[in-house]
Amino acid sequence: MMRPLQKIQYCIRQFSTLRSVPKPSAWKTYAAVGAVSGSLFIYYQQRLKVNAASSNSSRIKSAWMSDPITSIELLEENPDEMRCKFEKMIMRVQGELCRLLEKEDNDKKFLVERWARKEGGGGITCVMQDGTVFEKAGVNISVVHGNLPPAAVAQMRSRGKNLTGKDLPFFATGISCVVHPKNPHVPTIHFNYRYFEVTDEDGSVQWWFGGGTDLTPYYLDKEDVSHFHKTLKTACDKHNKSYYPRFKKWCDDYFFVKHRGESRGVGGIFYDDLDNDDQDKIFKFATECADAVIPSYIPIVQKNKNKGYSYAERMWQLLRRGRYVEFNLVYDRGTKFGLMTPGARIESILMSLPLTARWEYCHEPESGSREEELLKVLKEPREWV
């Protein structure tokens, strides 16, 4: 039978290993030790909790592509803070998508770069180039804060934001992804989900969510486009039946290359300045949409990535990529905001651009061709569900 001192030493050894929770039969021993030296028992009980939290942190981080921008301790200490919730969500989505794209590309690996912004915050840029399936794929995370420059404040006011002051403190976090496949029969996908806060000069905080997912095919496969839209509609309908038709139209209107008179692709969903509901409800909706990216897109990749294609089909793909570049550099709101933000990281902002693109003078597709079929859809958006 162990003496009290031996019991204490036994307890220390058990808690020091911290490999497992003691069996129920051992609790009497620990209780007796606690009666002899309560402070010692409490110390090791607290240490058990700390190590358990550390183990949980390691498990979570192992699914991410990098250490987060915000410290893992701060993220876990503030589980109900929207800034922290959103950052953890996009870290998870980035990790899941990057690893799945690596698998689809025969284990080609992403270059992962964690960068800091001297004005506040930073980001994690993951880029895959010259893969077997993906010519260029980028999955970026940014977590930035600082003061909004006057140009950015003016842009927000122009779309209805009631902001008072000049250089306003802001916080923004989001995930942005563009995947440009090699095969012309595999569409390009883009998605972006973000959370934004601005503090007025009177100290009040305005917040909103934005985001969307859209598809840019080079050859029209109605079955693929329908699958893509149905997946997004299912995600939207779980939260509000009005979301899909409303955000589908918003997407068709937003991704329109005005000087060409055609859409960038076959749409999807798009929304911005979403702040008209409970904050947590909108967060859950944004999470649902982000989680819908993989089931909406990866089956299309798997179906088409091994199809053969001709030189002419490749040239058409490069021409359509030229239109993609035109939209991103001339109209895209995210690109404009990034370029206007002090300390902007240009490489990450322009990550969305393809490795190769093409511009031909006065190009017109042949009458009755598949290229013309796509162009007709781009000039007159359709309902796919």
Protein backbone atom coordinates (compact mmCIF):
# COMPACT_ATOMS: atom_id res chain seq x y z
CA MET A 1 0.00 0.00 0.00
CA MET A 2 1.44 3.40 -1.01
CA ARG A 3 2.18 6.04 1.56
CA PRO A 4 0.91 9.63 0.97
CA LEU A 5 4.29 10.77 -0.35
CA GLN A 6 4.45 7.81 -2.71
CA LYS A 7 0.94 8.63 -3.92
CA ILE A 8 2.01 12.16 -4.67
CA GLN A 9 5.05 10.93 -6.61
CA TYR A 10 2.87 8.45 -8.48
CA CYS A 11 0.41 11.22 -9.33
CA ILE A 12 3.21 13.44 -10.61
CA ARG A 13 4.53 10.67 -12.87
CA GLN A 14 1.05 10.03 -14.28
CA PHE A 15 0.24 13.63 -14.99
CA SER A 16 3.74 14.40 -16.29
CA THR A 17 3.36 11.91 -19.12
CA LEU A 18 0.00 13.43 -20.13
CA ARG A 19 -0.55 10.61 -22.58
CA SER A 20 -4.03 9.63 -21.51
CA VAL A 21 -6.86 10.51 -19.20
CA PRO A 22 -6.69 8.36 -16.00
CA LYS A 23 -9.09 5.46 -15.77
CA PRO A 24 -12.10 5.86 -13.45
CA SER A 25 -10.60 3.38 -10.98
CA ALA A 26 -7.63 5.68 -10.44
CA TRP A 27 -9.66 8.71 -9.45
CA LYS A 28 -9.83 7.64 -5.78
CA THR A 29 -6.06 7.71 -5.63
CA TYR A 30 -5.94 11.15 -7.23
CA ALA A 31 -8.67 12.40 -4.94
CA ALA A 32 -6.71 11.21 -1.90
CA VAL A 33 -3.61 12.92 -3.18
CA GLY A 34 -5.65 16.05 -3.80
CA ALA A 35 -6.75 15.98 -0.19
CA VAL A 36 -3.13 15.74 0.95
CA SER A 37 -1.87 18.39 -1.52
CA GLY A 38 -4.72 20.17 -3.32
CA SER A 39 -2.48 22.78 -4.92
CA LEU A 40 -0.26 20.12 -6.46
CA PHE A 41 -3.26 18.34 -7.91
CA ILE A 42 -4.70 21.56 -9.34
CA TYR A 43 -1.34 22.44 -10.90
CA TYR A 44 -1.14 19.18 -12.80
CA GLN A 45 -4.82 19.32 -13.71
CA GLN A 46 -4.24 22.74 -15.28
CA ARG A 47 -1.14 21.45 -17.02
CA LEU A 48 -3.23 18.63 -18.49
CA LYS A 49 -5.66 21.19 -19.93
CA VAL A 50 -2.86 23.30 -21.39
CA ASN A 51 -1.25 20.31 -23.06
CA ALA A 52 -4.62 19.10 -24.34
CA ALA A 53 -5.19 22.53 -25.90
CA SER A 54 -1.70 22.43 -27.38
CA SER A 55 -2.41 18.99 -28.85
CA ASN A 56 -5.64 20.29 -30.35
CA SER A 57 -3.78 23.26 -31.84
CA SER A 58 -1.25 20.92 -33.44
CA ARG A 59 -4.02 18.82 -34.93
CA ILE A 60 -5.75 21.88 -36.38
CA LYS A 61 -2.51 23.39 -37.72
CA SER A 62 -1.54 20.12 -39.42
CA ALA A 63 -4.51 20.59 -41.77
CA TRP A 64 -3.41 24.13 -42.72
CA MET A 65 -0.80 25.13 -45.29
CA SER A 66 1.10 27.36 -42.87
CA ASP A 67 1.02 28.95 -39.46
CA PRO A 68 -1.84 31.47 -39.37
CA ILE A 69 -1.27 35.21 -39.54
CA THR A 70 -2.96 35.68 -36.17
CA SER A 71 -1.27 33.60 -33.46
CA ILE A 72 -2.94 30.25 -32.82
CA GLU A 73 -3.18 31.15 -29.12
CA LEU A 74 -5.15 34.31 -29.91
CA LEU A 75 -7.41 32.43 -32.32
CA GLU A 76 -8.25 29.83 -29.68
CA GLU A 77 -8.65 32.33 -26.86
CA ASN A 78 -11.30 34.22 -28.88
CA PRO A 79 -13.46 31.50 -30.47
CA ASP A 80 -16.52 33.78 -30.71
CA GLU A 81 -14.70 36.75 -32.24
CA MET A 82 -15.72 36.99 -35.91
CA ARG A 83 -12.21 37.95 -37.01
CA CYS A 84 -10.88 34.74 -35.48
CA LYS A 85 -13.74 32.51 -36.65
CA PHE A 86 -13.39 33.69 -40.23
CA GLU A 87 -9.61 33.30 -40.28
CA LYS A 88 -9.81 29.73 -38.98
CA MET A 89 -12.48 28.90 -41.56
CA ILE A 90 -10.46 30.17 -44.52
CA MET A 91 -7.29 28.49 -43.24
CA ARG A 92 -9.18 25.19 -43.27
CA VAL A 93 -10.66 25.75 -46.73
CA GLN A 94 -7.26 26.70 -48.13
CA GLY A 95 -5.67 23.54 -46.75
CA GLU A 96 -8.43 21.23 -47.97
CA LEU A 97 -8.47 22.67 -51.50
CA CYS A 98 -4.71 22.85 -51.96
CA ARG A 99 -4.19 19.24 -50.94
CA LEU A 100 -7.01 18.07 -53.20
CA LEU A 101 -5.61 20.02 -56.17
CA GLU A 102 -2.19 18.49 -55.49
CA LYS A 103 -3.78 15.05 -55.60
CA GLU A 104 -5.59 15.79 -58.87
CA ASP A 105 -2.30 16.98 -60.37
CA ASN A 106 -0.46 13.77 -59.50
CA ASP A 107 0.95 15.20 -56.25
CA LYS A 108 2.43 18.38 -57.71
CA LYS A 109 3.08 20.58 -54.67
CA PHE A 110 2.08 24.16 -53.92
CA LEU A 111 4.71 26.76 -53.18
CA VAL A 112 3.65 28.20 -49.82
CA GLU A 113 4.75 31.71 -48.88
CA ARG A 114 3.74 33.34 -45.61
CA TRP A 115 4.28 37.08 -45.84
CA ALA A 116 3.98 40.05 -43.52
CA ARG A 117 2.69 43.55 -44.24
CA LYS A 118 4.52 46.28 -42.34
CA GLU A 119 1.32 48.35 -42.10
CA GLY A 120 -0.37 45.45 -40.28
CA GLY A 121 -1.17 41.78 -40.85
CA GLY A 122 -0.08 39.65 -43.77
CA GLY A 123 -1.09 36.66 -45.80
CA ILE A 124 -0.41 33.13 -47.01
CA THR A 125 0.03 32.70 -50.75
CA CYS A 126 -0.09 29.18 -52.18
CA VAL A 127 0.75 28.82 -55.87
CA MET A 128 1.14 25.80 -58.13
CA GLN A 129 2.64 26.40 -61.58
CA ASP A 130 3.31 24.20 -64.61
CA GLY A 131 1.55 21.17 -63.24
CA THR A 132 0.28 18.22 -65.25
CA VAL A 133 -3.37 19.27 -64.92
CA PHE A 134 -3.17 22.86 -63.65
CA GLU A 135 -1.12 25.40 -65.52
CA LYS A 136 -1.49 27.80 -62.61
CA ALA A 137 -3.48 27.57 -59.40
CA GLY A 138 -3.40 30.08 -56.60
CA VAL A 139 -5.15 29.95 -53.23
CA ASN A 140 -4.48 33.08 -51.17
CA ILE A 141 -5.36 34.14 -47.65
CA SER A 142 -5.00 37.67 -46.37
CA VAL A 143 -5.49 39.03 -42.86
CA VAL A 144 -4.71 42.74 -42.94
CA HIS A 145 -5.40 45.83 -40.88
CA GLY A 146 -4.42 49.47 -40.79
CA ASN A 147 -5.96 52.70 -42.07
CA LEU A 148 -7.99 52.96 -45.27
CA PRO A 149 -6.52 55.47 -47.71
CA PRO A 150 -8.87 58.19 -49.07
CA ALA A 151 -9.22 56.40 -52.45
CA ALA A 152 -10.47 53.21 -50.78
CA VAL A 153 -12.87 55.19 -48.55
CA ALA A 154 -14.23 56.96 -51.65
CA GLN A 155 -14.73 53.61 -53.43
CA MET A 156 -16.74 52.26 -50.49
CA ARG A 157 -18.84 55.40 -50.25
CA SER A 158 -19.59 55.15 -53.96
CA ARG A 159 -21.37 51.85 -53.36
CA GLY A 160 -23.42 53.13 -50.43
CA LYS A 161 -21.24 52.81 -47.35
CA ASN A 162 -21.91 55.63 -44.86
CA LEU A 163 -18.36 56.20 -43.61
CA THR A 164 -17.37 59.31 -41.67
CA GLY A 165 -13.76 60.40 -41.58
CA LYS A 166 -10.73 60.20 -43.87
CA ASP A 167 -8.10 57.68 -42.79
CA LEU A 168 -10.30 55.05 -41.13
CA PRO A 169 -9.04 51.98 -39.23
CA PHE A 170 -10.00 48.75 -41.00
CA PHE A 171 -9.64 44.99 -40.73
CA ALA A 172 -10.09 42.64 -43.68
CA THR A 173 -9.64 38.91 -44.02
CA GLY A 174 -10.49 36.62 -46.88
CA ILE A 175 -9.61 33.76 -49.17
CA SER A 176 -9.22 34.18 -52.91
CA CYS A 177 -8.59 31.44 -55.45
CA VAL A 178 -8.18 31.10 -59.21
CA VAL A 179 -7.42 27.80 -60.95
CA HIS A 180 -6.29 27.84 -64.61
CA PRO A 181 -6.15 24.27 -66.02
CA LYS A 182 -4.03 23.25 -68.98
CA ASN A 183 -6.76 21.31 -70.76
CA PRO A 184 -9.23 23.59 -72.63
CA HIS A 185 -12.03 21.19 -71.68
CA VAL A 186 -11.55 21.94 -67.98
CA PRO A 187 -13.01 25.31 -66.93
CA THR A 188 -11.26 27.95 -64.87
CA ILE A 189 -12.79 28.54 -61.45
CA HIS A 190 -12.59 31.60 -59.23
CA PHE A 191 -13.90 32.11 -55.72
CA ASN A 192 -13.47 34.70 -53.01
CA TYR A 193 -14.99 34.93 -49.52
CA ARG A 194 -14.17 37.81 -47.20
CA TYR A 195 -15.05 39.67 -44.00
CA PHE A 196 -14.51 43.40 -43.51
CA GLU A 197 -14.64 45.86 -40.60
CA VAL A 198 -14.26 49.64 -40.62
CA THR A 199 -14.18 51.87 -37.53
CA ASP A 200 -15.72 55.31 -37.98
CA GLU A 201 -14.21 58.38 -36.40
CA ASP A 202 -16.88 58.18 -33.66
CA GLY A 203 -15.64 54.69 -32.71
CA SER A 204 -18.56 52.71 -34.13
CA VAL A 205 -17.73 49.59 -36.15
CA GLN A 206 -19.33 48.71 -39.47
CA TRP A 207 -18.93 45.15 -40.72
CA TRP A 208 -19.98 43.21 -43.80
CA PHE A 209 -19.35 40.01 -45.73
CA GLY A 210 -18.73 39.49 -49.43
CA GLY A 211 -17.89 36.68 -51.78
CA GLY A 212 -18.84 34.40 -54.60
CA THR A 213 -17.87 31.50 -56.85
CA ASP A 214 -17.93 31.55 -60.65
CA LEU A 215 -16.99 29.31 -63.56
CA THR A 216 -15.24 30.21 -66.83
CA PRO A 217 -15.38 27.37 -69.37
CA TYR A 218 -13.67 27.45 -72.77
CA TYR A 219 -16.02 24.92 -74.30
CA LEU A 220 -19.62 24.63 -73.22
CA ASP A 221 -20.66 21.44 -71.45
CA LYS A 222 -24.22 22.08 -70.29
CA GLU A 223 -24.16 19.13 -67.91
CA ASP A 224 -21.06 20.50 -66.15
CA VAL A 225 -22.46 24.02 -65.90
CA SER A 226 -25.75 22.70 -64.55
CA HIS A 227 -23.93 20.63 -61.92
CA PHE A 228 -21.91 23.68 -60.87
CA HIS A 229 -24.97 25.88 -60.45
CA LYS A 230 -27.05 23.18 -58.72
CA THR A 231 -24.32 22.72 -56.11
CA LEU A 232 -24.23 26.44 -55.38
CA LYS A 233 -28.02 26.65 -55.29
CA THR A 234 -28.17 23.81 -52.76
CA ALA A 235 -25.71 25.68 -50.53
CA CYS A 236 -27.71 28.91 -50.82
CA ASP A 237 -31.11 27.29 -50.26
CA LYS A 238 -30.02 25.92 -46.87
CA HIS A 239 -29.90 29.50 -45.61
CA ASN A 240 -32.34 31.54 -47.70
CA LYS A 241 -34.36 30.52 -50.76
CA SER A 242 -33.96 34.01 -52.22
CA TYR A 243 -30.16 33.91 -52.13
CA TYR A 244 -29.43 31.85 -55.25
CA PRO A 245 -31.60 33.76 -57.77
CA ARG A 246 -30.53 37.07 -56.25
CA PHE A 247 -26.81 36.30 -56.12
CA LYS A 248 -26.83 34.48 -59.46
CA LYS A 249 -28.10 37.65 -61.18
CA TRP A 250 -25.60 39.74 -59.22
CA CYS A 251 -22.83 37.45 -60.53
CA ASP A 252 -24.04 37.74 -64.14
CA ASP A 253 -24.09 41.53 -63.84
CA TYR A 254 -20.76 41.84 -62.02
CA PHE A 255 -18.61 39.56 -64.18
CA PHE A 256 -19.49 41.37 -67.40
CA VAL A 257 -16.76 42.71 -69.67
CA LYS A 258 -18.51 45.90 -70.75
CA HIS A 259 -16.12 46.86 -73.54
CA ARG A 260 -16.57 43.39 -75.09
CA GLY A 261 -20.31 43.11 -74.46
CA GLU A 262 -19.94 39.62 -72.99
CA SER A 263 -19.68 37.83 -69.64
CA ARG A 264 -16.38 36.53 -68.36
CA GLY A 265 -17.90 33.07 -67.93
CA VAL A 266 -21.13 31.25 -67.14
CA GLY A 267 -21.53 32.85 -63.73
CA GLY A 268 -22.27 31.37 -60.36
CA ILE A 269 -23.04 33.47 -57.29
CA PHE A 270 -21.72 36.83 -56.10
CA TYR A 271 -22.65 39.10 -53.22
CA ASP A 272 -21.13 42.05 -51.39
CA ASP A 273 -21.83 44.32 -48.43
CA LEU A 274 -23.94 41.60 -46.79
CA ASP A 275 -24.83 42.90 -43.32
CA ASN A 276 -28.62 42.70 -43.12
CA ASP A 277 -28.86 39.68 -40.81
CA ASP A 278 -27.34 38.25 -37.67
CA GLN A 279 -23.55 38.22 -38.04
CA ASP A 280 -23.19 34.56 -37.15
CA LYS A 281 -25.91 33.54 -39.62
CA ILE A 282 -24.09 35.29 -42.46
CA PHE A 283 -20.83 33.66 -41.37
CA LYS A 284 -22.47 30.22 -41.57
CA PHE A 285 -23.76 31.06 -45.04
CA ALA A 286 -20.28 32.17 -46.17
CA THR A 287 -18.84 28.94 -44.76
CA GLU A 288 -21.46 26.89 -46.61
CA CYS A 289 -20.56 28.60 -49.89
CA ALA A 290 -16.83 28.13 -49.35
CA ASP A 291 -17.38 24.45 -48.59
CA ALA A 292 -19.41 24.10 -51.81
CA VAL A 293 -16.39 24.92 -53.99
CA ILE A 294 -14.87 21.43 -53.96
CA PRO A 295 -18.06 19.46 -54.78
CA SER A 296 -19.03 22.01 -57.45
CA TYR A 297 -15.69 21.90 -59.29
CA ILE A 298 -13.57 18.81 -58.63
CA PRO A 299 -16.01 16.38 -60.34
CA ILE A 300 -15.76 18.55 -63.48
CA VAL A 301 -11.96 18.39 -63.32
CA GLN A 302 -12.00 14.62 -62.91
CA LYS A 303 -14.42 14.19 -65.81
CA ASN A 304 -12.45 16.29 -68.32
CA LYS A 305 -8.77 16.49 -67.34
CA ASN A 306 -7.67 13.53 -69.50
CA LYS A 307 -9.55 14.51 -72.66
CA GLY A 308 -7.50 15.13 -75.76
CA TYR A 309 -7.44 18.58 -77.39
CA SER A 310 -6.13 20.20 -80.55
CA TYR A 311 -3.82 23.14 -81.17
CA ALA A 312 -6.80 25.20 -82.32
CA GLU A 313 -8.66 24.44 -79.08
CA ARG A 314 -5.62 25.51 -77.09
CA MET A 315 -5.44 28.80 -79.01
CA TRP A 316 -9.12 29.47 -78.29
CA GLN A 317 -8.47 28.83 -74.60
CA LEU A 318 -5.66 31.41 -74.62
CA LEU A 319 -7.91 33.96 -76.35
CA ARG A 320 -10.56 33.50 -73.69
CA ARG A 321 -7.90 33.90 -71.02
CA GLY A 322 -7.12 37.27 -72.56
CA ARG A 323 -10.71 38.30 -71.81
CA TYR A 324 -10.22 37.03 -68.26
CA VAL A 325 -7.18 39.28 -67.85
CA GLU A 326 -9.07 42.27 -69.24
CA PHE A 327 -11.83 41.91 -66.65
CA ASN A 328 -9.46 41.45 -63.72
CA LEU A 329 -7.32 44.47 -64.56
CA VAL A 330 -10.07 46.84 -65.67
CA TYR A 331 -13.14 46.03 -63.56
CA ASP A 332 -12.45 43.69 -60.64
CA ARG A 333 -13.17 45.43 -57.34
CA GLY A 334 -10.81 43.22 -55.33
CA THR A 335 -7.89 43.99 -57.64
CA LYS A 336 -8.60 47.72 -57.41
CA PHE A 337 -8.83 47.64 -53.61
CA GLY A 338 -5.60 45.66 -53.36
CA LEU A 339 -3.69 48.06 -55.59
CA MET A 340 -4.98 51.06 -53.60
CA THR A 341 -4.07 49.59 -50.20
CA PRO A 342 -0.75 50.80 -48.74
CA GLY A 343 1.81 48.02 -48.50
CA ALA A 344 -0.07 45.92 -51.05
CA ARG A 345 1.70 42.75 -52.15
CA ILE A 346 1.52 42.93 -55.93
CA GLU A 347 2.51 39.29 -56.54
CA SER A 348 -0.44 38.06 -54.49
CA ILE A 349 -2.89 40.55 -56.03
CA LEU A 350 -1.94 39.51 -59.57
CA MET A 351 -1.87 35.81 -58.68
CA SER A 352 -5.22 35.48 -60.49
CA LEU A 353 -3.64 36.09 -63.89
CA PRO A 354 -2.81 33.03 -66.02
CA LEU A 355 0.70 32.07 -67.04
CA THR A 356 -0.20 32.45 -70.71
CA ALA A 357 -2.86 34.38 -72.63
CA ARG A 358 -3.41 35.58 -76.18
CA TRP A 359 -4.87 38.52 -78.06
CA GLU A 360 -5.68 38.30 -81.77
CA TYR A 361 -6.76 41.23 -83.87
CA CYS A 362 -10.50 41.09 -84.72
CA HIS A 363 -10.87 37.39 -84.00
CA GLU A 364 -14.26 35.88 -84.92
CA PRO A 365 -15.17 32.20 -84.34
CA GLU A 366 -16.43 30.15 -87.26
CA SER A 367 -20.19 30.03 -87.76
CA GLY A 368 -21.73 26.94 -86.18
CA SER A 369 -18.56 26.09 -84.22
CA ARG A 370 -18.35 25.18 -80.53
CA GLU A 371 -16.48 28.41 -80.02
CA GLU A 372 -19.43 30.36 -81.38
CA GLU A 373 -21.78 28.32 -79.18
CA LEU A 374 -19.90 29.48 -76.08
CA LEU A 375 -19.80 33.08 -77.24
CA LYS A 376 -23.59 33.17 -77.65
CA VAL A 377 -24.04 32.06 -74.04
CA LEU A 378 -21.56 34.66 -72.83
CA LYS A 379 -23.48 37.42 -74.59
CA GLU A 380 -26.85 36.27 -73.21
CA PRO A 381 -26.60 34.72 -69.69
CA ARG A 382 -28.92 31.77 -69.08
CA GLU A 383 -30.64 30.04 -66.19
CA TRP A 384 -28.86 26.73 -65.52
CA VAL A 385 -31.00 25.25 -62.76
